[in-house]
Amino acid sequence: MGELSPLMAVLASVEQSSLGVWVRESPSLLGFPGILYLHTLGLAMLAGLNVGINVCLLGGRPGLASATMTTVYRIMWLGFGINALSGVALLAAYPAKALTNWVFFVKLLLIVIAMWVLERIKGELKAASASGTTVVSSRAQQLAVVSLFLWAGTILAGRLLAYTHSILLASEAF
């Protein structure tokens, strides 16, 4: 085996860390399967509820969407937190698999944009609520459509990560 590049050496040290080894190699359901479950649960909380709000907006139900947004906004952010923490654990197990794959960076970019759009939707709903309107603005509907595409793209990119990597483990890359 040849000498690792500086980047691969860092990635190899992360994957050989206690956390990386435990997540990847633990026979416990709390290891990789449990963390992957938490990642999926966080996704359902964040993207699933977001999709529900978007559907309400596209169906012309701003009151329902506004009430729902107020009620589930914290749950969506909790889902984001669960995804961030579980994502870090999954990244520790396979850092080279993700960090050498452009699809991973597309996924992260889509998440950032989707969260920005979520904030814009929240602003549209607050403005509609403050003005007492019962009509969904065309801007809110446009944002809802964009949001649906962003979350679909995020989910697709996440699934493609399992199949598009060229390096699984940095320590075995050379």
Foldseek 3Di string as FASTA:
>chain_A
DDDFDPVLVVQQVLCPDPLQCCQQPPPDCCHVVVLVVLLVVLLCLALVLLLVLLVCLLVFALVVSLVSCVVSVVSNVVSVVSNVVSVVSVCSNFVLLQVVFVLNVVLVVLVVVLVVLVVVLNVQSVVCVVVVHSGRDPVNNVSSVSNNVSSVSNVVSVVCSVPGGPDGHSVPPD
